[in-house]
Each structure stands twice: as structure tokens, then as C-alpha cells.
Amino acid sequence: VAGNTLSADFPVTAGAYRTTYSGGGDAFVAKLTGGGGLGYSTYL
């Protein structure tokens, strides 16, 4: 799932490409596992 976030605390995973919010509204990309858990998530 991908989209747009204005949240400085949007859930991101350790070691993600970008773990901090840049401001102004960031894109995000997240992977949910087949059971609905969070596989990874990053700002972009």
C-alpha cells in the first residue's frame, strides 16, 4: 500500500529507506504480510 502522509510518527520499520518525515507531506510505501502484519514501511 502506498499514499501520502502528514504524520511525523507514521509507522516505519527499522532499517527502512527513510525513517524520518521530511515535511510538507511525504509519500509512504508499506508492505503488509499475508496475515496483516507490517512487513516494512518507509517514507519517500
All heavy atoms as atom14 arrays in JSON, in Angstrom:
{
  "sequence": "VAGNTLSADFPVTAGAYRTTYSGGGDAFVAKLTGGGGLGYSTYL",
  "atom14_mask": [
    [1, 1, 1, 1, 1, 1, 1, 0, 0, 0, 0, 0, 0, 0],
    [1, 1, 1, 1, 1, 0, 0, 0, 0, 0, 0, 0, 0, 0],
    [1, 1, 1, 1, 0, 0, 0, 0, 0, 0, 0, 0, 0, 0],
    [1, 1, 1, 1, 1, 1, 1, 1, 0, 0, 0, 0, 0, 0],
    [1, 1, 1, 1, 1, 1, 1, 0, 0, 0, 0, 0, 0, 0],
    [1, 1, 1, 1, 1, 1, 1, 1, 0, 0, 0, 0, 0, 0],
    [1, 1, 1, 1, 1, 1, 0, 0, 0, 0, 0, 0, 0, 0],
    [1, 1, 1, 1, 1, 0, 0, 0, 0, 0, 0, 0, 0, 0],
    [1, 1, 1, 1, 1, 1, 1, 1, 0, 0, 0, 0, 0, 0],
    [1, 1, 1, 1, 1, 1, 1, 1, 1, 1, 1, 0, 0, 0],
    [1, 1, 1, 1, 1, 1, 1, 0, 0, 0, 0, 0, 0, 0],
    [1, 1, 1, 1, 1, 1, 1, 0, 0, 0, 0, 0, 0, 0],
    [1, 1, 1, 1, 1, 1, 1, 0, 0, 0, 0, 0, 0, 0],
    [1, 1, 1, 1, 1, 0, 0, 0, 0, 0, 0, 0, 0, 0],
    [1, 1, 1, 1, 0, 0, 0, 0, 0, 0, 0, 0, 0, 0],
    [1, 1, 1, 1, 1, 0, 0, 0, 0, 0, 0, 0, 0, 0],
    [1, 1, 1, 1, 1, 1, 1, 1, 1, 1, 1, 1, 0, 0],
    [1, 1, 1, 1, 1, 1, 1, 1, 1, 1, 1, 0, 0, 0],
    [1, 1, 1, 1, 1, 1, 1, 0, 0, 0, 0, 0, 0, 0],
    [1, 1, 1, 1, 1, 1, 1, 0, 0, 0, 0, 0, 0, 0],
    [1, 1, 1, 1, 1, 1, 1, 1, 1, 1, 1, 1, 0, 0],
    [1, 1, 1, 1, 1, 1, 0, 0, 0, 0, 0, 0, 0, 0],
    [1, 1, 1, 1, 0, 0, 0, 0, 0, 0, 0, 0, 0, 0],
    [1, 1, 1, 1, 0, 0, 0, 0, 0, 0, 0, 0, 0, 0],
    [1, 1, 1, 1, 0, 0, 0, 0, 0, 0, 0, 0, 0, 0],
    [1, 1, 1, 1, 1, 1, 1, 1, 0, 0, 0, 0, 0, 0],
    [1, 1, 1, 1, 1, 0, 0, 0, 0, 0, 0, 0, 0, 0],
    [1, 1, 1, 1, 1, 1, 1, 1, 1, 1, 1, 0, 0, 0],
    [1, 1, 1, 1, 1, 1, 1, 0, 0, 0, 0, 0, 0, 0],
    [1, 1, 1, 1, 1, 0, 0, 0, 0, 0, 0, 0, 0, 0],
    [1, 1, 1, 1, 1, 1, 1, 1, 1, 0, 0, 0, 0, 0],
    [1, 1, 1, 1, 1, 1, 1, 1, 0, 0, 0, 0, 0, 0],
    [1, 1, 1, 1, 1, 1, 1, 0, 0, 0, 0, 0, 0, 0],
    [1, 1, 1, 1, 0, 0, 0, 0, 0, 0, 0, 0, 0, 0],
    [1, 1, 1, 1, 0, 0, 0, 0, 0, 0, 0, 0, 0, 0],
    [1, 1, 1, 1, 0, 0, 0, 0, 0, 0, 0, 0, 0, 0],
    [1, 1, 1, 1, 0, 0, 0, 0, 0, 0, 0, 0, 0, 0],
    [1, 1, 1, 1, 1, 1, 1, 1, 0, 0, 0, 0, 0, 0],
    [1, 1, 1, 1, 0, 0, 0, 0, 0, 0, 0, 0, 0, 0],
    [1, 1, 1, 1, 1, 1, 1, 1, 1, 1, 1, 1, 0, 0],
    [1, 1, 1, 1, 1, 1, 0, 0, 0, 0, 0, 0, 0, 0],
    [1, 1, 1, 1, 1, 1, 1, 0, 0, 0, 0, 0, 0, 0],
    [1, 1, 1, 1, 1, 1, 1, 1, 1, 1, 1, 1, 0, 0],
    [1, 1, 1, 1, 1, 1, 1, 1, 0, 0, 0, 0, 0, 0]
  ],
  "atom14_positions": [
    [[0.86, -1.18, 0.0], [0.0, 0.0, 0.0], [0.89, 1.23, 0.0], [1.97, 1.25, 0.61], [-0.96, -0.01, 1.21], [-0.22, -0.01, 2.53], [-1.93, 1.17, 1.16], [0.0, 0.0, 0.0], [0.0, 0.0, 0.0], [0.0, 0.0, 0.0], [0.0, 0.0, 0.0], [0.0, 0.0, 0.0], [0.0, 0.0, 0.0], [0.0, 0.0, 0.0]],
    [[0.47, 2.25, -0.73], [1.23, 3.49, -0.81], [0.26, 4.66, -0.79], [-0.94, 4.51, -1.03], [2.08, 3.52, -2.09], [0.0, 0.0, 0.0], [0.0, 0.0, 0.0], [0.0, 0.0, 0.0], [0.0, 0.0, 0.0], [0.0, 0.0, 0.0], [0.0, 0.0, 0.0], [0.0, 0.0, 0.0], [0.0, 0.0, 0.0], [0.0, 0.0, 0.0]],
    [[0.8, 5.83, -0.5], [-0.07, 7.01, -0.45], [0.69, 8.22, 0.02], [1.87, 8.42, -0.32], [0.0, 0.0, 0.0], [0.0, 0.0, 0.0], [0.0, 0.0, 0.0], [0.0, 0.0, 0.0], [0.0, 0.0, 0.0], [0.0, 0.0, 0.0], [0.0, 0.0, 0.0], [0.0, 0.0, 0.0], [0.0, 0.0, 0.0], [0.0, 0.0, 0.0]],
    [[0.02, 9.03, 0.82], [0.55, 10.3, 1.29], [0.31, 10.41, 2.79], [-0.74, 10.0, 3.3], [-0.14, 11.45, 0.55], [0.14, 12.81, 1.18], [-0.66, 13.29, 1.98], [1.24, 13.43, 0.82], [0.0, 0.0, 0.0], [0.0, 0.0, 0.0], [0.0, 0.0, 0.0], [0.0, 0.0, 0.0], [0.0, 0.0, 0.0], [0.0, 0.0, 0.0]],
    [[1.28, 10.96, 3.51], [1.12, 11.15, 4.95], [1.61, 12.53, 5.38], [2.6, 13.05, 4.85], [1.87, 10.06, 5.74], [1.73, 10.32, 7.15], [3.36, 10.02, 5.38], [0.0, 0.0, 0.0], [0.0, 0.0, 0.0], [0.0, 0.0, 0.0], [0.0, 0.0, 0.0], [0.0, 0.0, 0.0], [0.0, 0.0, 0.0], [0.0, 0.0, 0.0]],
    [[0.9, 13.09, 6.33], [1.31, 14.32, 7.01], [1.72, 14.02, 8.45], [1.8, 14.94, 9.27], [0.17, 15.34, 6.98], [-0.24, 15.86, 5.61], [-1.49, 16.74, 5.72], [0.89, 16.64, 4.96], [0.0, 0.0, 0.0], [0.0, 0.0, 0.0], [0.0, 0.0, 0.0], [0.0, 0.0, 0.0], [0.0, 0.0, 0.0], [0.0, 0.0, 0.0]],
    [[1.97, 12.75, 8.74], [2.28, 12.31, 10.1], [3.79, 12.14, 10.3], [4.43, 11.34, 9.61], [1.6, 10.98, 10.4], [0.2, 11.1, 10.38], [0.0, 0.0, 0.0], [0.0, 0.0, 0.0], [0.0, 0.0, 0.0], [0.0, 0.0, 0.0], [0.0, 0.0, 0.0], [0.0, 0.0, 0.0], [0.0, 0.0, 0.0], [0.0, 0.0, 0.0]],
    [[4.33, 12.87, 11.26], [5.74, 12.71, 11.6], [5.99, 11.39, 12.33], [7.15, 10.96, 12.45], [6.22, 13.87, 12.46], [0.0, 0.0, 0.0], [0.0, 0.0, 0.0], [0.0, 0.0, 0.0], [0.0, 0.0, 0.0], [0.0, 0.0, 0.0], [0.0, 0.0, 0.0], [0.0, 0.0, 0.0], [0.0, 0.0, 0.0], [0.0, 0.0, 0.0]],
    [[4.9, 10.76, 12.8], [5.02, 9.49, 13.51], [4.36, 8.34, 12.73], [3.94, 7.34, 13.32], [4.41, 9.59, 14.9], [2.93, 9.98, 14.88], [2.45, 10.44, 13.81], [2.26, 9.83, 15.91], [0.0, 0.0, 0.0], [0.0, 0.0, 0.0], [0.0, 0.0, 0.0], [0.0, 0.0, 0.0], [0.0, 0.0, 0.0], [0.0, 0.0, 0.0]],
    [[4.26, 8.49, 11.39], [3.72, 7.39, 10.6], [4.56, 6.14, 10.88], [5.79, 6.23, 10.98], [3.77, 7.74, 9.11], [3.04, 6.76, 8.24], [1.68, 6.92, 7.99], [3.7, 5.68, 7.67], [1.0, 6.02, 7.18], [3.02, 4.77, 6.87], [1.67, 4.94, 6.63], [0.0, 0.0, 0.0], [0.0, 0.0, 0.0], [0.0, 0.0, 0.0]],
    [[3.94, 4.97, 11.01], [4.71, 3.77, 11.35], [5.7, 3.37, 10.26], [5.3, 3.09, 9.12], [3.64, 2.7, 11.56], [2.43, 3.2, 10.85], [2.49, 4.68, 10.93], [0.0, 0.0, 0.0], [0.0, 0.0, 0.0], [0.0, 0.0, 0.0], [0.0, 0.0, 0.0], [0.0, 0.0, 0.0], [0.0, 0.0, 0.0], [0.0, 0.0, 0.0]],
    [[6.97, 3.39, 10.59], [8.02, 2.93, 9.68], [8.82, 1.85, 10.41], [8.81, 1.77, 11.63], [8.95, 4.08, 9.23], [8.18, 5.07, 8.37], [9.57, 4.78, 10.42], [0.0, 0.0, 0.0], [0.0, 0.0, 0.0], [0.0, 0.0, 0.0], [0.0, 0.0, 0.0], [0.0, 0.0, 0.0], [0.0, 0.0, 0.0], [0.0, 0.0, 0.0]],
    [[9.49, 1.02, 9.64], [10.22, -0.1, 10.22], [11.71, 0.21, 10.31], [12.24, 1.03, 9.57], [10.01, -1.37, 9.38], [10.25, -1.07, 8.0], [8.59, -1.88, 9.52], [0.0, 0.0, 0.0], [0.0, 0.0, 0.0], [0.0, 0.0, 0.0], [0.0, 0.0, 0.0], [0.0, 0.0, 0.0], [0.0, 0.0, 0.0], [0.0, 0.0, 0.0]],
    [[12.37, -0.47, 11.26], [13.82, -0.29, 11.44], [14.55, -0.67, 10.16], [14.24, -1.67, 9.53], [14.3, -1.15, 12.6], [0.0, 0.0, 0.0], [0.0, 0.0, 0.0], [0.0, 0.0, 0.0], [0.0, 0.0, 0.0], [0.0, 0.0, 0.0], [0.0, 0.0, 0.0], [0.0, 0.0, 0.0], [0.0, 0.0, 0.0], [0.0, 0.0, 0.0]],
    [[15.51, 0.17, 9.79], [16.3, -0.09, 8.6], [15.62, 0.3, 7.3], [16.14, 0.01, 6.22], [0.0, 0.0, 0.0], [0.0, 0.0, 0.0], [0.0, 0.0, 0.0], [0.0, 0.0, 0.0], [0.0, 0.0, 0.0], [0.0, 0.0, 0.0], [0.0, 0.0, 0.0], [0.0, 0.0, 0.0], [0.0, 0.0, 0.0], [0.0, 0.0, 0.0]],
    [[14.45, 0.95, 7.39], [13.74, 1.38, 6.19], [14.56, 2.41, 5.42], [15.45, 3.07, 5.97], [12.38, 1.96, 6.56], [0.0, 0.0, 0.0], [0.0, 0.0, 0.0], [0.0, 0.0, 0.0], [0.0, 0.0, 0.0], [0.0, 0.0, 0.0], [0.0, 0.0, 0.0], [0.0, 0.0, 0.0], [0.0, 0.0, 0.0], [0.0, 0.0, 0.0]],
    [[14.23, 2.57, 4.15], [14.94, 3.52, 3.29], [14.97, 4.91, 3.92], [16.0, 5.58, 3.94], [14.28, 3.56, 1.92], [14.79, 4.68, 1.03], [16.06, 4.62, 0.48], [13.99, 5.78, 0.78], [16.53, 5.65, -0.32], [14.45, 6.82, -0.02], [15.72, 6.75, -0.56], [16.17, 7.77, -1.35], [0.0, 0.0, 0.0], [0.0, 0.0, 0.0]],
    [[13.82, 5.37, 4.41], [13.76, 6.66, 5.09], [12.85, 6.54, 6.31], [11.68, 6.19, 6.17], [13.26, 7.76, 4.16], [13.14, 9.12, 4.84], [12.92, 10.23, 3.84], [14.1, 10.44, 3.01], [14.1, 11.2, 1.91], [12.99, 11.79, 1.53], [15.2, 11.34, 1.21], [0.0, 0.0, 0.0], [0.0, 0.0, 0.0], [0.0, 0.0, 0.0]],
    [[13.37, 6.81, 7.47], [12.61, 6.62, 8.7], [12.15, 7.93, 9.33], [11.45, 7.91, 10.35], [13.45, 5.85, 9.74], [14.67, 6.57, 9.99], [13.78, 4.45, 9.23], [0.0, 0.0, 0.0], [0.0, 0.0, 0.0], [0.0, 0.0, 0.0], [0.0, 0.0, 0.0], [0.0, 0.0, 0.0], [0.0, 0.0, 0.0], [0.0, 0.0, 0.0]],
    [[12.51, 9.06, 8.74], [12.1, 10.35, 9.29], [11.28, 11.13, 8.28], [11.51, 11.06, 7.07], [13.32, 11.19, 9.72], [14.2, 11.36, 8.61], [14.06, 10.51, 10.85], [0.0, 0.0, 0.0], [0.0, 0.0, 0.0], [0.0, 0.0, 0.0], [0.0, 0.0, 0.0], [0.0, 0.0, 0.0], [0.0, 0.0, 0.0], [0.0, 0.0, 0.0]],
    [[10.34, 11.9, 8.78], [9.43, 12.71, 7.98], [10.14, 13.95, 7.47], [10.81, 14.66, 8.23], [8.23, 13.08, 8.85], [7.18, 13.94, 8.21], [6.46, 13.48, 7.12], [6.87, 15.2, 8.74], [5.46, 14.26, 6.55], [5.87, 15.97, 8.18], [5.17, 15.5, 7.07], [4.19, 16.27, 6.52], [0.0, 0.0, 0.0], [0.0, 0.0, 0.0]],
    [[10.03, 14.24, 6.17], [10.74, 15.36, 5.58], [9.97, 16.67, 5.66], [10.54, 17.75, 5.48], [11.07, 15.06, 4.11], [11.9, 13.93, 4.0], [0.0, 0.0, 0.0], [0.0, 0.0, 0.0], [0.0, 0.0, 0.0], [0.0, 0.0, 0.0], [0.0, 0.0, 0.0], [0.0, 0.0, 0.0], [0.0, 0.0, 0.0], [0.0, 0.0, 0.0]],
    [[8.65, 16.58, 5.9], [7.84, 17.78, 5.98], [7.11, 18.07, 4.69], [7.52, 17.64, 3.61], [0.0, 0.0, 0.0], [0.0, 0.0, 0.0], [0.0, 0.0, 0.0], [0.0, 0.0, 0.0], [0.0, 0.0, 0.0], [0.0, 0.0, 0.0], [0.0, 0.0, 0.0], [0.0, 0.0, 0.0], [0.0, 0.0, 0.0], [0.0, 0.0, 0.0]],
    [[6.0, 18.78, 4.81], [5.23, 19.17, 3.65], [4.32, 18.09, 3.09], [3.6, 18.31, 2.12], [0.0, 0.0, 0.0], [0.0, 0.0, 0.0], [0.0, 0.0, 0.0], [0.0, 0.0, 0.0], [0.0, 0.0, 0.0], [0.0, 0.0, 0.0], [0.0, 0.0, 0.0], [0.0, 0.0, 0.0], [0.0, 0.0, 0.0], [0.0, 0.0, 0.0]],
    [[4.35, 16.92, 3.67], [3.58, 15.78, 3.17], [4.49, 14.84, 2.4], [5.01, 15.2, 1.34], [0.0, 0.0, 0.0], [0.0, 0.0, 0.0], [0.0, 0.0, 0.0], [0.0, 0.0, 0.0], [0.0, 0.0, 0.0], [0.0, 0.0, 0.0], [0.0, 0.0, 0.0], [0.0, 0.0, 0.0], [0.0, 0.0, 0.0], [0.0, 0.0, 0.0]],
    [[4.73, 13.67, 2.95], [5.6, 12.69, 2.3], [4.78, 11.56, 1.7], [3.68, 11.25, 2.16], [6.56, 12.06, 3.32], [7.77, 12.93, 3.59], [7.87, 14.01, 2.99], [8.62, 12.51, 4.41], [0.0, 0.0, 0.0], [0.0, 0.0, 0.0], [0.0, 0.0, 0.0], [0.0, 0.0, 0.0], [0.0, 0.0, 0.0], [0.0, 0.0, 0.0]],
    [[5.34, 10.93, 0.66], [4.8, 9.65, 0.22], [5.22, 8.58, 1.22], [6.17, 8.75, 1.98], [5.33, 9.31, -1.17], [0.0, 0.0, 0.0], [0.0, 0.0, 0.0], [0.0, 0.0, 0.0], [0.0, 0.0, 0.0], [0.0, 0.0, 0.0], [0.0, 0.0, 0.0], [0.0, 0.0, 0.0], [0.0, 0.0, 0.0], [0.0, 0.0, 0.0]],
    [[4.49, 7.47, 1.22], [4.91, 6.32, 2.01], [4.67, 5.06, 1.18], [3.82, 5.03, 0.29], [4.15, 6.21, 3.34], [2.72, 5.78, 3.21], [2.37, 4.44, 3.14], [1.7, 6.73, 3.11], [1.05, 4.04, 2.99], [0.38, 6.34, 2.96], [0.05, 4.99, 2.89], [0.0, 0.0, 0.0], [0.0, 0.0, 0.0], [0.0, 0.0, 0.0]],
    [[5.43, 4.03, 1.46], [5.23, 2.71, 0.88], [5.33, 1.71, 2.01], [6.29, 1.74, 2.79], [6.28, 2.39, -0.21], [6.01, 1.01, -0.81], [6.28, 3.45, -1.29], [0.0, 0.0, 0.0], [0.0, 0.0, 0.0], [0.0, 0.0, 0.0], [0.0, 0.0, 0.0], [0.0, 0.0, 0.0], [0.0, 0.0, 0.0], [0.0, 0.0, 0.0]],
    [[4.35, 0.81, 2.12], [4.33, -0.18, 3.18], [3.97, -1.55, 2.62], [3.2, -1.65, 1.66], [3.35, 0.22, 4.28], [0.0, 0.0, 0.0], [0.0, 0.0, 0.0], [0.0, 0.0, 0.0], [0.0, 0.0, 0.0], [0.0, 0.0, 0.0], [0.0, 0.0, 0.0], [0.0, 0.0, 0.0], [0.0, 0.0, 0.0], [0.0, 0.0, 0.0]],
    [[4.51, -2.58, 3.25], [4.17, -3.96, 2.91], [3.51, -4.6, 4.12], [4.04, -4.56, 5.23], [5.42, -4.75, 2.54], [5.17, -6.23, 2.28], [6.47, -6.96, 1.98], [6.26, -8.45, 1.77], [7.55, -9.15, 1.46], [0.0, 0.0, 0.0], [0.0, 0.0, 0.0], [0.0, 0.0, 0.0], [0.0, 0.0, 0.0], [0.0, 0.0, 0.0]],
    [[2.33, -5.17, 3.9], [1.65, -5.94, 4.93], [1.76, -7.42, 4.57], [1.57, -7.79, 3.41], [0.17, -5.53, 5.04], [-0.09, -4.07, 5.44], [-1.57, -3.76, 5.35], [0.41, -3.81, 6.85], [0.0, 0.0, 0.0], [0.0, 0.0, 0.0], [0.0, 0.0, 0.0], [0.0, 0.0, 0.0], [0.0, 0.0, 0.0], [0.0, 0.0, 0.0]],
    [[2.06, -8.24, 5.54], [2.19, -9.67, 5.29], [0.83, -10.29, 5.03], [-0.21, -9.65, 5.24], [2.85, -10.37, 6.48], [2.0, -10.21, 7.64], [4.22, -9.76, 6.78], [0.0, 0.0, 0.0], [0.0, 0.0, 0.0], [0.0, 0.0, 0.0], [0.0, 0.0, 0.0], [0.0, 0.0, 0.0], [0.0, 0.0, 0.0], [0.0, 0.0, 0.0]],
    [[0.84, -11.55, 4.58], [-0.42, -12.22, 4.26], [-1.38, -12.3, 5.42], [-2.6, -12.41, 5.22], [0.0, 0.0, 0.0], [0.0, 0.0, 0.0], [0.0, 0.0, 0.0], [0.0, 0.0, 0.0], [0.0, 0.0, 0.0], [0.0, 0.0, 0.0], [0.0, 0.0, 0.0], [0.0, 0.0, 0.0], [0.0, 0.0, 0.0], [0.0, 0.0, 0.0]],
    [[-0.88, -12.2, 6.65], [-1.75, -12.22, 7.83], [-2.1, -10.84, 8.34], [-2.77, -10.71, 9.37], [0.0, 0.0, 0.0], [0.0, 0.0, 0.0], [0.0, 0.0, 0.0], [0.0, 0.0, 0.0], [0.0, 0.0, 0.0], [0.0, 0.0, 0.0], [0.0, 0.0, 0.0], [0.0, 0.0, 0.0], [0.0, 0.0, 0.0], [0.0, 0.0, 0.0]],
    [[-1.65, -9.79, 7.66], [-2.0, -8.42, 8.06], [-0.98, -7.72, 8.93], [-1.22, -6.6, 9.37], [0.0, 0.0, 0.0], [0.0, 0.0, 0.0], [0.0, 0.0, 0.0], [0.0, 0.0, 0.0], [0.0, 0.0, 0.0], [0.0, 0.0, 0.0], [0.0, 0.0, 0.0], [0.0, 0.0, 0.0], [0.0, 0.0, 0.0], [0.0, 0.0, 0.0]],
    [[0.16, -8.36, 9.2], [1.22, -7.69, 9.96], [2.02, -6.75, 9.08], [1.95, -6.8, 7.85], [0.0, 0.0, 0.0], [0.0, 0.0, 0.0], [0.0, 0.0, 0.0], [0.0, 0.0, 0.0], [0.0, 0.0, 0.0], [0.0, 0.0, 0.0], [0.0, 0.0, 0.0], [0.0, 0.0, 0.0], [0.0, 0.0, 0.0], [0.0, 0.0, 0.0]],
    [[2.83, -5.91, 9.71], [3.63, -4.94, 8.97], [4.97, -5.56, 8.61], [5.78, -5.87, 9.48], [3.83, -3.67, 9.78], [4.53, -2.51, 9.06], [3.69, -2.02, 7.88], [4.8, -1.36, 10.03], [0.0, 0.0, 0.0], [0.0, 0.0, 0.0], [0.0, 0.0, 0.0], [0.0, 0.0, 0.0], [0.0, 0.0, 0.0], [0.0, 0.0, 0.0]],
    [[5.22, -5.75, 7.32], [6.49, -6.28, 6.85], [7.56, -5.22, 6.8], [8.65, -5.39, 7.32], [0.0, 0.0, 0.0], [0.0, 0.0, 0.0], [0.0, 0.0, 0.0], [0.0, 0.0, 0.0], [0.0, 0.0, 0.0], [0.0, 0.0, 0.0], [0.0, 0.0, 0.0], [0.0, 0.0, 0.0], [0.0, 0.0, 0.0], [0.0, 0.0, 0.0]],
    [[7.25, -4.11, 6.15], [8.14, -2.96, 6.18], [7.33, -1.72, 5.82], [6.24, -1.79, 5.24], [9.35, -3.11, 5.25], [9.03, -3.13, 3.76], [8.65, -1.98, 3.07], [9.14, -4.31, 3.03], [8.38, -2.0, 1.72], [8.86, -4.34, 1.67], [8.49, -3.19, 1.02], [8.21, -3.22, -0.31], [0.0, 0.0, 0.0], [0.0, 0.0, 0.0]],
    [[7.88, -0.56, 6.16], [7.23, 0.7, 5.84], [8.27, 1.8, 5.81], [9.18, 1.83, 6.65], [6.14, 1.03, 6.87], [5.51, 2.26, 6.59], [0.0, 0.0, 0.0], [0.0, 0.0, 0.0], [0.0, 0.0, 0.0], [0.0, 0.0, 0.0], [0.0, 0.0, 0.0], [0.0, 0.0, 0.0], [0.0, 0.0, 0.0], [0.0, 0.0, 0.0]],
    [[8.17, 2.69, 4.84], [9.14, 3.76, 4.7], [8.49, 5.04, 4.21], [7.48, 5.01, 3.51], [10.26, 3.36, 3.71], [11.25, 4.38, 3.66], [9.71, 3.13, 2.3], [0.0, 0.0, 0.0], [0.0, 0.0, 0.0], [0.0, 0.0, 0.0], [0.0, 0.0, 0.0], [0.0, 0.0, 0.0], [0.0, 0.0, 0.0], [0.0, 0.0, 0.0]],
    [[9.04, 6.16, 4.63], [8.74, 7.44, 3.99], [9.46, 7.49, 2.65], [10.46, 6.82, 2.42], [9.23, 8.6, 4.84], [8.5, 8.85, 6.13], [9.12, 8.6, 7.36], [7.23, 9.39, 6.14], [8.48, 8.87, 8.56], [6.56, 9.67, 7.34], [7.2, 9.4, 8.54], [6.55, 9.66, 9.72], [0.0, 0.0, 0.0], [0.0, 0.0, 0.0]],
    [[8.95, 8.38, 1.79], [9.59, 8.6, 0.49], [9.23, 10.02, 0.06], [8.06, 10.31, -0.19], [9.1, 7.58, -0.52], [9.8, 7.56, -1.89], [11.27, 7.18, -1.72], [9.09, 6.6, -2.83], [0.0, 0.0, 0.0], [0.0, 0.0, 0.0], [0.0, 0.0, 0.0], [0.0, 0.0, 0.0], [0.0, 0.0, 0.0], [0.0, 0.0, 0.0]]
  ]
}
